């Protein structure tokens, strides 16, 4: 039985960079469920590097900082596909080239670029693809488990992800005037990805988070992908404008006795 009813449906996956990407795990799992997966990557260079990894799937190029590129990729996809059943938005960027800085020293241009790529791109993609999205389509973005924890190494990306979480609510409301398209976020705890590796001091935070999980084992990217697949499927039809948190229980375990002993 095809419980998720994904077989034969078409999904657009934004954000594959390599084999560690959340987007790659989602695309791989969608394919295993019998779906047709179209990939959109940032540049021609990335497309060349992931072609063998994603073959024989179609791979399109779109730098979401350029609104004309979003229009172009929508036009290109619509030539071959008149209806899309869902979109995965797994795109984020922060400029950490100058290393870790106190939050109050965040540069305006860095903050606005992060908002543009990590948050506003979802608005632009939704708007451009609205006419080819099935009336019951699902749009899922990848967020973080909490934006209320001021992790110094994550810096201004915390407020940026908070904006993304709010954005899904407003997109869901806006689209409800003409469709049943749903917008949700899969909000993950700390993961081993290439993107996270670029965050200063990330490995220490990752190991600490792993110890705070109830199972003492870190969240896996495959687990995040599994949740995203469910949210993309019709089986989650009653869920809209929500963030689904995956953190293996970390958020209720800050007073873990073993961690307390180590700080004594």
C-alpha atoms as a PDB file:
ATOM      1  CA  UNK A   1       0.000   0.000   0.000  1.00  0.00           C
ATOM      2  CA  UNK A   2       1.271   3.453  -0.970  1.00  0.00           C
ATOM      3  CA  UNK A   3       0.298   5.083   2.329  1.00  0.00           C
ATOM      4  CA  UNK A   4       1.738   8.502   1.461  1.00  0.00           C
ATOM      5  CA  UNK A   5       0.220   8.455  -2.050  1.00  0.00           C
ATOM      6  CA  UNK A   6       3.332  10.096  -3.480  1.00  0.00           C
ATOM      7  CA  UNK A   7       3.962   7.640  -6.296  1.00  0.00           C
ATOM      8  CA  UNK A   8       3.740   9.385  -9.673  1.00  0.00           C
ATOM      9  CA  UNK A   9       3.566  12.903  -8.258  1.00  0.00           C
ATOM     10  CA  UNK A  10       6.009  15.663  -9.193  1.00  0.00           C
ATOM     11  CA  UNK A  11       7.998  17.705  -6.704  1.00  0.00           C
ATOM     12  CA  UNK A  12      10.493  20.536  -7.076  1.00  0.00           C
ATOM     13  CA  UNK A  13      13.403  20.396  -4.637  1.00  0.00           C
ATOM     14  CA  UNK A  14      15.422  23.566  -4.073  1.00  0.00           C
ATOM     15  CA  UNK A  15      18.789  23.523  -2.348  1.00  0.00           C
ATOM     16  CA  UNK A  16      20.910  20.472  -3.085  1.00  0.00           C
ATOM     17  CA  UNK A  17      24.601  21.297  -2.749  1.00  0.00           C
ATOM     18  CA  UNK A  18      26.056  17.852  -2.078  1.00  0.00           C
ATOM     19  CA  UNK A  19      25.299  14.428  -0.600  1.00  0.00           C
ATOM     20  CA  UNK A  20      25.001  15.874   2.925  1.00  0.00           C
ATOM     21  CA  UNK A  21      22.279  18.366   2.019  1.00  0.00           C
ATOM     22  CA  UNK A  22      18.838  18.040   3.578  1.00  0.00           C
ATOM     23  CA  UNK A  23      17.465  18.606   0.073  1.00  0.00           C
ATOM     24  CA  UNK A  24      19.393  15.600  -1.245  1.00  0.00           C
ATOM     25  CA  UNK A  25      17.965  13.310   1.434  1.00  0.00           C
ATOM     26  CA  UNK A  26      14.459  14.604   0.709  1.00  0.00           C
ATOM     27  CA  UNK A  27      14.854  14.130  -3.039  1.00  0.00           C
ATOM     28  CA  UNK A  28      16.312  10.639  -2.598  1.00  0.00           C
ATOM     29  CA  UNK A  29      13.454   9.591  -0.333  1.00  0.00           C
ATOM     30  CA  UNK A  30      10.819  11.078  -2.628  1.00  0.00           C
ATOM     31  CA  UNK A  31      12.304   9.068  -5.478  1.00  0.00           C
ATOM     32  CA  UNK A  32      12.211   5.913  -3.346  1.00  0.00           C
ATOM     33  CA  UNK A  33       8.487   6.586  -2.894  1.00  0.00           C
ATOM     34  CA  UNK A  34       8.015   6.675  -6.662  1.00  0.00           C
ATOM     35  CA  UNK A  35       7.847  10.444  -7.117  1.00  0.00           C
ATOM     36  CA  UNK A  36       9.219  12.440 -10.015  1.00  0.00           C
ATOM     37  CA  UNK A  37      11.802  14.844  -8.573  1.00  0.00           C
ATOM     38  CA  UNK A  38      13.046  18.038 -10.223  1.00  0.00           C
ATOM     39  CA  UNK A  39      16.056  19.704  -8.658  1.00  0.00           C
ATOM     40  CA  UNK A  40      16.945  23.388  -8.570  1.00  0.00           C
ATOM     41  CA  UNK A  41      20.497  24.306  -7.564  1.00  0.00           C
ATOM     42  CA  UNK A  42      22.237  27.633  -7.088  1.00  0.00           C
ATOM     43  CA  UNK A  43      24.778  27.603  -9.909  1.00  0.00           C
ATOM     44  CA  UNK A  44      26.059  25.845 -13.005  1.00  0.00           C
ATOM     45  CA  UNK A  45      29.096  24.776 -10.972  1.00  0.00           C
ATOM     46  CA  UNK A  46      26.933  23.023  -8.404  1.00  0.00           C
ATOM     47  CA  UNK A  47      24.878  21.411 -11.158  1.00  0.00           C
ATOM     48  CA  UNK A  48      28.069  19.995 -12.667  1.00  0.00           C
ATOM     49  CA  UNK A  49      29.182  18.621  -9.293  1.00  0.00           C
ATOM     50  CA  UNK A  50      25.868  16.920  -8.461  1.00  0.00           C
ATOM     51  CA  UNK A  51      24.870  15.663 -11.911  1.00  0.00           C
ATOM     52  CA  UNK A  52      26.069  12.106 -11.265  1.00  0.00           C
ATOM     53  CA  UNK A  53      24.589  12.177  -7.769  1.00  0.00           C
ATOM     54  CA  UNK A  54      21.128  13.157  -8.997  1.00  0.00           C
ATOM     55  CA  UNK A  55      21.044  11.384 -12.369  1.00  0.00           C
ATOM     56  CA  UNK A  56      18.835  10.890 -14.264  1.00  0.00           C
ATOM     57  CA  UNK A  57      16.726  13.660 -12.694  1.00  0.00           C
ATOM     58  CA  UNK A  58      16.397  17.060 -14.337  1.00  0.00           C
ATOM     59  CA  UNK A  59      18.511  19.752 -12.706  1.00  0.00           C
ATOM     60  CA  UNK A  60      17.766  23.439 -13.134  1.00  0.00           C
ATOM     61  CA  UNK A  61      19.861  26.425 -12.089  1.00  0.00           C
ATOM     62  CA  UNK A  62      18.526  29.373 -10.092  1.00  0.00           C
ATOM     63  CA  UNK A  63      20.305  31.880  -7.872  1.00  0.00           C
ATOM     64  CA  UNK A  64      17.401  33.026  -5.698  1.00  0.00           C
ATOM     65  CA  UNK A  65      19.032  36.393  -5.025  1.00  0.00           C
ATOM     66  CA  UNK A  66      18.072  37.221  -8.608  1.00  0.00           C
ATOM     67  CA  UNK A  67      14.290  37.474  -8.976  1.00  0.00           C
ATOM     68  CA  UNK A  68      14.565  37.193 -12.746  1.00  0.00           C
ATOM     69  CA  UNK A  69      16.268  33.821 -12.240  1.00  0.00           C
ATOM     70  CA  UNK A  70      13.284  32.591 -10.214  1.00  0.00           C
ATOM     71  CA  UNK A  71      10.955  33.695 -13.014  1.00  0.00           C
ATOM     72  CA  UNK A  72      13.184  31.970 -15.556  1.00  0.00           C
ATOM     73  CA  UNK A  73      13.339  28.635 -13.746  1.00  0.00           C
ATOM     74  CA  UNK A  74       9.579  28.647 -13.260  1.00  0.00           C
ATOM     75  CA  UNK A  75       9.151  29.280 -16.986  1.00  0.00           C
ATOM     76  CA  UNK A  76      11.592  26.517 -17.859  1.00  0.00           C
ATOM     77  CA  UNK A  77       9.911  23.977 -15.584  1.00  0.00           C
ATOM     78  CA  UNK A  78       6.404  24.905 -16.754  1.00  0.00           C
ATOM     79  CA  UNK A  79       7.318  24.055 -20.349  1.00  0.00           C
ATOM     80  CA  UNK A  80       7.509  20.373 -19.408  1.00  0.00           C
ATOM     81  CA  UNK A  81       5.325  20.215 -16.287  1.00  0.00           C
ATOM     82  CA  UNK A  82       1.917  21.865 -16.174  1.00  0.00           C
ATOM     83  CA  UNK A  83       1.284  20.908 -12.566  1.00  0.00           C
ATOM     84  CA  UNK A  84       3.563  20.557  -9.532  1.00  0.00           C
ATOM     85  CA  UNK A  85       2.431  18.665  -6.430  1.00  0.00           C
ATOM     86  CA  UNK A  86       4.858  20.202  -3.981  1.00  0.00           C
ATOM     87  CA  UNK A  87       7.977  22.253  -3.376  1.00  0.00           C
ATOM     88  CA  UNK A  88      10.775  21.755  -0.891  1.00  0.00           C
ATOM     89  CA  UNK A  89      12.592  24.975   0.043  1.00  0.00           C
ATOM     90  CA  UNK A  90      15.898  24.094   1.681  1.00  0.00           C
ATOM     91  CA  UNK A  91      17.880  27.276   1.116  1.00  0.00           C
ATOM     92  CA  UNK A  92      19.862  29.273   3.646  1.00  0.00           C
ATOM     93  CA  UNK A  93      22.956  31.434   3.672  1.00  0.00           C
ATOM     94  CA  UNK A  94      24.936  33.485   6.176  1.00  0.00           C
ATOM     95  CA  UNK A  95      28.212  35.273   5.587  1.00  0.00           C
ATOM     96  CA  UNK A  96      30.664  34.072   8.220  1.00  0.00           C
ATOM     97  CA  UNK A  97      33.800  34.996   6.257  1.00  0.00           C
ATOM     98  CA  UNK A  98      34.873  37.456   8.937  1.00  0.00           C
ATOM     99  CA  UNK A  99      34.385  34.901  11.679  1.00  0.00           C
ATOM    100  CA  UNK A 100      32.151  34.981  14.710  1.00  0.00           C
ATOM    101  CA  UNK A 101      31.015  38.426  15.863  1.00  0.00           C
ATOM    102  CA  UNK A 102      28.744  39.581  18.686  1.00  0.00           C
ATOM    103  CA  UNK A 103      25.183  39.906  17.403  1.00  0.00           C
ATOM    104  CA  UNK A 104      25.143  43.681  17.866  1.00  0.00           C
ATOM    105  CA  UNK A 105      28.023  43.971  15.394  1.00  0.00           C
ATOM    106  CA  UNK A 106      26.046  42.291  12.601  1.00  0.00           C
ATOM    107  CA  UNK A 107      26.504  44.136   9.320  1.00  0.00           C
ATOM    108  CA  UNK A 108      23.349  45.383   7.685  1.00  0.00           C
ATOM    109  CA  UNK A 109      24.331  43.997   4.280  1.00  0.00           C
ATOM    110  CA  UNK A 110      24.982  40.538   5.749  1.00  0.00           C
ATOM    111  CA  UNK A 111      21.665  40.483   7.592  1.00  0.00           C
ATOM    112  CA  UNK A 112      19.676  41.624   4.561  1.00  0.00           C
ATOM    113  CA  UNK A 113      21.418  39.135   2.281  1.00  0.00           C
ATOM    114  CA  UNK A 114      20.598  36.319   4.698  1.00  0.00           C
ATOM    115  CA  UNK A 115      16.958  37.430   4.832  1.00  0.00           C
ATOM    116  CA  UNK A 116      16.814  37.609   1.046  1.00  0.00           C
ATOM    117  CA  UNK A 117      18.262  34.140   0.429  1.00  0.00           C
ATOM    118  CA  UNK A 118      16.950  32.253   3.457  1.00  0.00           C
ATOM    119  CA  UNK A 119      13.496  33.788   3.828  1.00  0.00           C
ATOM    120  CA  UNK A 120      12.265  36.058   1.052  1.00  0.00           C
ATOM    121  CA  UNK A 121      13.230  33.471  -1.551  1.00  0.00           C
ATOM    122  CA  UNK A 122      10.331  31.354  -0.275  1.00  0.00           C
ATOM    123  CA  UNK A 123       7.908  34.217  -0.937  1.00  0.00           C
ATOM    124  CA  UNK A 124       9.305  34.751  -4.433  1.00  0.00           C
ATOM    125  CA  UNK A 125       9.247  31.059  -5.307  1.00  0.00           C
ATOM    126  CA  UNK A 126       5.682  30.663  -4.047  1.00  0.00           C
ATOM    127  CA  UNK A 127       4.516  33.668  -6.028  1.00  0.00           C
ATOM    128  CA  UNK A 128       6.179  32.604  -9.261  1.00  0.00           C
ATOM    129  CA  UNK A 129       5.056  28.971  -9.033  1.00  0.00           C
ATOM    130  CA  UNK A 130       1.499  29.634  -7.847  1.00  0.00           C
ATOM    131  CA  UNK A 131      -0.066  29.048 -11.257  1.00  0.00           C
ATOM    132  CA  UNK A 132       1.493  25.614 -11.736  1.00  0.00           C
ATOM    133  CA  UNK A 133       1.065  24.384  -8.183  1.00  0.00           C
ATOM    134  CA  UNK A 134      -1.719  21.845  -7.847  1.00  0.00           C
ATOM    135  CA  UNK A 135      -4.608  23.324  -5.857  1.00  0.00           C
ATOM    136  CA  UNK A 136      -3.820  20.863  -3.049  1.00  0.00           C
ATOM    137  CA  UNK A 137      -0.034  21.146  -3.239  1.00  0.00           C
ATOM    138  CA  UNK A 138       2.253  21.304  -0.226  1.00  0.00           C
ATOM    139  CA  UNK A 139       5.192  23.665   0.223  1.00  0.00           C
ATOM    140  CA  UNK A 140       7.711  22.772   2.910  1.00  0.00           C
ATOM    141  CA  UNK A 141      10.688  24.794   4.111  1.00  0.00           C
ATOM    142  CA  UNK A 142      13.516  23.698   6.381  1.00  0.00           C
ATOM    143  CA  UNK A 143      13.858  25.763   9.536  1.00  0.00           C
ATOM    144  CA  UNK A 144      15.418  25.288  12.999  1.00  0.00           C
ATOM    145  CA  UNK A 145      13.914  23.771  16.130  1.00  0.00           C
ATOM    146  CA  UNK A 146      13.872  27.027  18.093  1.00  0.00           C
ATOM    147  CA  UNK A 147      14.537  30.685  17.360  1.00  0.00           C
ATOM    148  CA  UNK A 148      14.298  31.604  21.048  1.00  0.00           C
ATOM    149  CA  UNK A 149      17.676  30.205  22.035  1.00  0.00           C
ATOM    150  CA  UNK A 150      20.409  32.798  21.549  1.00  0.00           C
ATOM    151  CA  UNK A 151      23.184  30.480  20.362  1.00  0.00           C
ATOM    152  CA  UNK A 152      26.123  32.812  19.851  1.00  0.00           C
ATOM    153  CA  UNK A 153      27.608  30.849  16.974  1.00  0.00           C
ATOM    154  CA  UNK A 154      24.352  30.987  15.010  1.00  0.00           C
ATOM    155  CA  UNK A 155      24.161  34.761  15.340  1.00  0.00           C
ATOM    156  CA  UNK A 156      21.812  36.665  13.096  1.00  0.00           C
ATOM    157  CA  UNK A 157      20.494  33.501  11.450  1.00  0.00           C
ATOM    158  CA  UNK A 158      18.258  33.029  14.507  1.00  0.00           C
ATOM    159  CA  UNK A 159      16.166  36.134  13.699  1.00  0.00           C
ATOM    160  CA  UNK A 160      16.309  35.222  10.004  1.00  0.00           C
ATOM    161  CA  UNK A 161      14.790  31.794  10.692  1.00  0.00           C
ATOM    162  CA  UNK A 162      12.208  33.442  12.962  1.00  0.00           C
ATOM    163  CA  UNK A 163      11.182  35.522   9.952  1.00  0.00           C
ATOM    164  CA  UNK A 164      10.961  32.334   7.875  1.00  0.00           C
ATOM    165  CA  UNK A 165       8.704  30.724  10.492  1.00  0.00           C
ATOM    166  CA  UNK A 166       6.380  33.732  10.367  1.00  0.00           C
ATOM    167  CA  UNK A 167       6.452  33.788   6.578  1.00  0.00           C
ATOM    168  CA  UNK A 168       4.839  30.351   6.265  1.00  0.00           C
ATOM    169  CA  UNK A 169       1.822  31.632   8.219  1.00  0.00           C
ATOM    170  CA  UNK A 170       1.319  34.621   5.955  1.00  0.00           C
ATOM    171  CA  UNK A 171       1.830  32.579   2.785  1.00  0.00           C
ATOM    172  CA  UNK A 172      -0.699  30.005   3.989  1.00  0.00           C
ATOM    173  CA  UNK A 173      -3.249  32.725   4.679  1.00  0.00           C
ATOM    174  CA  UNK A 174      -2.582  34.492   1.388  1.00  0.00           C
ATOM    175  CA  UNK A 175      -2.841  31.336  -0.743  1.00  0.00           C
ATOM    176  CA  UNK A 176      -6.026  30.267   1.056  1.00  0.00           C
ATOM    177  CA  UNK A 177      -7.933  32.903  -0.902  1.00  0.00           C
ATOM    178  CA  UNK A 178      -7.598  30.890  -4.116  1.00  0.00           C
ATOM    179  CA  UNK A 179      -6.319  27.381  -3.271  1.00  0.00           C
ATOM    180  CA  UNK A 180      -5.729  24.690  -0.667  1.00  0.00           C
ATOM    181  CA  UNK A 181      -1.944  24.948  -0.998  1.00  0.00           C
ATOM    182  CA  UNK A 182      -0.320  24.418   2.392  1.00  0.00           C
ATOM    183  CA  UNK A 183       2.858  25.973   3.798  1.00  0.00           C
ATOM    184  CA  UNK A 184       4.738  24.362   6.675  1.00  0.00           C
ATOM    185  CA  UNK A 185       8.226  24.147   8.120  1.00  0.00           C
ATOM    186  CA  UNK A 186      10.187  21.140   9.266  1.00  0.00           C
ATOM    187  CA  UNK A 187      12.189  22.627  12.119  1.00  0.00           C
ATOM    188  CA  UNK A 188      15.250  20.560  12.860  1.00  0.00           C
ATOM    189  CA  UNK A 189      17.724  20.416  15.677  1.00  0.00           C
ATOM    190  CA  UNK A 190      21.456  20.392  14.961  1.00  0.00           C
ATOM    191  CA  UNK A 191      22.536  18.338  11.934  1.00  0.00           C
ATOM    192  CA  UNK A 192      25.751  17.264  10.240  1.00  0.00           C
ATOM    193  CA  UNK A 193      25.582  19.141   6.947  1.00  0.00           C
ATOM    194  CA  UNK A 194      28.115  21.042   4.854  1.00  0.00           C
ATOM    195  CA  UNK A 195      26.217  24.259   5.521  1.00  0.00           C
ATOM    196  CA  UNK A 196      26.404  23.822   9.287  1.00  0.00           C
ATOM    197  CA  UNK A 197      30.125  23.074   9.049  1.00  0.00           C
ATOM    198  CA  UNK A 198      30.624  26.677   7.987  1.00  0.00           C
ATOM    199  CA  UNK A 199      29.228  28.024  11.274  1.00  0.00           C
ATOM    200  CA  UNK A 200      32.042  28.998  13.687  1.00  0.00           C
ATOM    201  CA  UNK A 201      32.263  26.601  16.635  1.00  0.00           C
ATOM    202  CA  UNK A 202      29.400  24.473  15.335  1.00  0.00           C
ATOM    203  CA  UNK A 203      30.890  21.095  16.205  1.00  0.00           C
ATOM    204  CA  UNK A 204      30.939  21.943  19.932  1.00  0.00           C
ATOM    205  CA  UNK A 205      27.277  22.957  19.801  1.00  0.00           C
ATOM    206  CA  UNK A 206      26.434  19.807  17.848  1.00  0.00           C
ATOM    207  CA  UNK A 207      28.078  17.515  20.408  1.00  0.00           C
ATOM    208  CA  UNK A 208      26.403  19.359  23.278  1.00  0.00           C
ATOM    209  CA  UNK A 209      23.008  19.084  21.574  1.00  0.00           C
ATOM    210  CA  UNK A 210      23.552  15.365  21.017  1.00  0.00           C
ATOM    211  CA  UNK A 211      24.088  14.877  24.751  1.00  0.00           C
ATOM    212  CA  UNK A 212      20.903  16.796  25.492  1.00  0.00           C
ATOM    213  CA  UNK A 213      18.707  14.559  23.359  1.00  0.00           C
ATOM    214  CA  UNK A 214      16.701  12.037  25.328  1.00  0.00           C
ATOM    215  CA  UNK A 215      18.221   9.184  23.367  1.00  0.00           C
ATOM    216  CA  UNK A 216      21.793  10.581  23.568  1.00  0.00           C
ATOM    217  CA  UNK A 217      22.004  10.297  19.813  1.00  0.00           C
ATOM    218  CA  UNK A 218      21.935  13.235  17.422  1.00  0.00           C
ATOM    219  CA  UNK A 219      19.152  13.888  14.977  1.00  0.00           C
ATOM    220  CA  UNK A 220      19.894  12.506  11.518  1.00  0.00           C
ATOM    221  CA  UNK A 221      19.325  14.225   8.212  1.00  0.00           C
ATOM    222  CA  UNK A 222      17.315  11.226   7.065  1.00  0.00           C
ATOM    223  CA  UNK A 223      14.910  11.740   9.968  1.00  0.00           C
ATOM    224  CA  UNK A 224      14.388  15.327   8.850  1.00  0.00           C
ATOM    225  CA  UNK A 225      13.810  14.136   5.291  1.00  0.00           C
ATOM    226  CA  UNK A 226      11.247  11.578   6.477  1.00  0.00           C
ATOM    227  CA  UNK A 227       9.265  14.305   8.220  1.00  0.00           C
ATOM    228  CA  UNK A 228       9.486  16.527   5.153  1.00  0.00           C
ATOM    229  CA  UNK A 229       8.140  13.720   2.947  1.00  0.00           C
ATOM    230  CA  UNK A 230       5.144  13.331   5.244  1.00  0.00           C
ATOM    231  CA  UNK A 231       4.529  17.087   5.160  1.00  0.00           C
ATOM    232  CA  UNK A 232       4.739  17.082   1.366  1.00  0.00           C
ATOM    233  CA  UNK A 233       2.207  14.266   1.144  1.00  0.00           C
ATOM    234  CA  UNK A 234      -1.587  14.444   1.298  1.00  0.00           C
ATOM    235  CA  UNK A 235      -1.450  12.489   4.572  1.00  0.00           C
ATOM    236  CA  UNK A 236      -0.584  15.772   6.299  1.00  0.00           C
ATOM    237  CA  UNK A 237      -3.501  17.614   4.676  1.00  0.00           C
ATOM    238  CA  UNK A 238      -4.809  18.868   8.018  1.00  0.00           C
ATOM    239  CA  UNK A 239      -1.528  20.603   8.864  1.00  0.00           C
ATOM    240  CA  UNK A 240      -1.057  24.157   7.613  1.00  0.00           C
ATOM    241  CA  UNK A 241       0.970  27.191   8.728  1.00  0.00           C
ATOM    242  CA  UNK A 242       2.848  25.116  11.300  1.00  0.00           C
ATOM    243  CA  UNK A 243       6.420  24.254  12.232  1.00  0.00           C
ATOM    244  CA  UNK A 244       6.996  20.586  12.985  1.00  0.00           C
ATOM    245  CA  UNK A 245       9.834  20.310  15.485  1.00  0.00           C
ATOM    246  CA  UNK A 246      12.384  17.493  15.295  1.00  0.00           C
ATOM    247  CA  UNK A 247      14.940  17.655  18.079  1.00  0.00           C
ATOM    248  CA  UNK A 248      14.888  14.166  19.646  1.00  0.00           C
ATOM    249  CA  UNK A 249      13.564  15.666  22.876  1.00  0.00           C
ATOM    250  CA  UNK A 250      16.370  18.195  23.348  1.00  0.00           C
ATOM    251  CA  UNK A 251      14.012  21.077  24.116  1.00  0.00           C
ATOM    252  CA  UNK A 252      12.709  19.430  27.321  1.00  0.00           C
ATOM    253  CA  UNK A 253      16.013  18.102  28.565  1.00  0.00           C
ATOM    254  CA  UNK A 254      18.108  21.126  29.529  1.00  0.00           C
ATOM    255  CA  UNK A 255      18.346  19.890  33.138  1.00  0.00           C
ATOM    256  CA  UNK A 256      19.649  16.453  32.239  1.00  0.00           C
ATOM    257  CA  UNK A 257      21.373  15.085  35.361  1.00  0.00           C
ATOM    258  CA  UNK A 258      24.421  13.879  33.430  1.00  0.00           C
ATOM    259  CA  UNK A 259      24.999  17.313  31.932  1.00  0.00           C
ATOM    260  CA  UNK A 260      24.547  18.945  35.330  1.00  0.00           C
ATOM    261  CA  UNK A 261      27.158  16.636  36.861  1.00  0.00           C
ATOM    262  CA  UNK A 262      29.700  17.637  34.234  1.00  0.00           C
ATOM    263  CA  UNK A 263      29.317  21.312  35.069  1.00  0.00           C
ATOM    264  CA  UNK A 264      29.643  20.813  38.824  1.00  0.00           C
END
